[in-house]
Amino acid sequence: MRMPAILLLSAAALTAQPLQEALRARIGEFQGTVALYAKNLDTGESVGIRPADPVRTASTIKLPILLATFDLVAAGKAKWTEPLTLTAQEKVSGSGILGVEFSDGVQLPLRDVTHLMMVLSDNTATNMVLERITADAVNAYLDRIGMKATRSMRKVRGDGNQLKAAQGFSAAGRLPENQKYGLGVSTPLDMVTILERLERGEIVNPEASKEILAVMRRCQDENGVRRKLSGVTIANKTGALDALRSEVALVYSKAGRIAMAITVDNMPKVDYGPDNVGLLLIADLARILVDGLAKR
């Protein structure tokens, strides 16, 4: 299998070469495609594999949705305490608890619904948030912060064979060329830039950035980046589709604050177990990136 071109954005060539070799060795004959970008926010050293290529986001698009919600609240166009009503229309299958465990008509504060969207990756919660703020508002916010390669396309349809008709399209999501992306599109470079701006307190305002990272640190999915980085604080969001696993994460390691975004796609076998080959690859790549981008 032909190896993907690796883009190294590092001034430390002696450090970069072993990292490049380690990434190549682990990806090896992986049956799928890999796109990633990682940066040590303390040293500035970074590495990427197709970092600017558009990738399907799956549930990692929920992070930009959260950013846009914080922006609307800061602008006085939404309130964290305002109630959102759970409806049968918004309920979908897949990750989360609202679609199965809660009754139609239940009302929850906007803040609580966003927490479920992020911490449990609740698909129904995501639809409730998008019903309130719209995917177009998400994209308008992304335009303002310069993340033009990242787009929210529509609401979640569900998982597996329990798919509802697609709803809540943004203008970008209605374009024929974007149908292949599903929920959203981004690039590893965009996602790492978002993480870096969050860590700098530049998303919405310092208080909002801090709160967003606190929510991400409570993510319950430990099968990817968190898998082999025990004892380290991590703020992350994961995503999964039949042939895809993706993750964006900020790792607060002794080697420095490492922001990373990893997407593996086009896997030939559908496997939603914890030992999916894509998850195992992400776990190993995260460990290699933390070690390879360590402070010297």
Foldseek 3Di string as FASTA:
>chain_A
DDDFDKDWDAPPVVLVVVLVVLLCVLCPPAQFDKWKKKAFLVPRGIIIGQQADKAQAFLVVLLLLLLLVVLCVLVVNFPQADWFFQAQVLAAADWFDCNPPPDGGDIDGLNVLSLRCFQGVHQSSQSSSCVVQAQQSSQVLCVVVPQNQKGFAFGAQYADPGGDPTDRGDPVNPDPVCVVNPGMMHGFVSLLVVVSCLVVQNRSGNVSSVVSQVSQQNHPDCLAQNVPVPPWGKRKGWRDHQFKIKMWMFTDDPQGTMTMIMMTGDRPGGDPDSVDVRRVSRNSSSVSRSVSSGDD
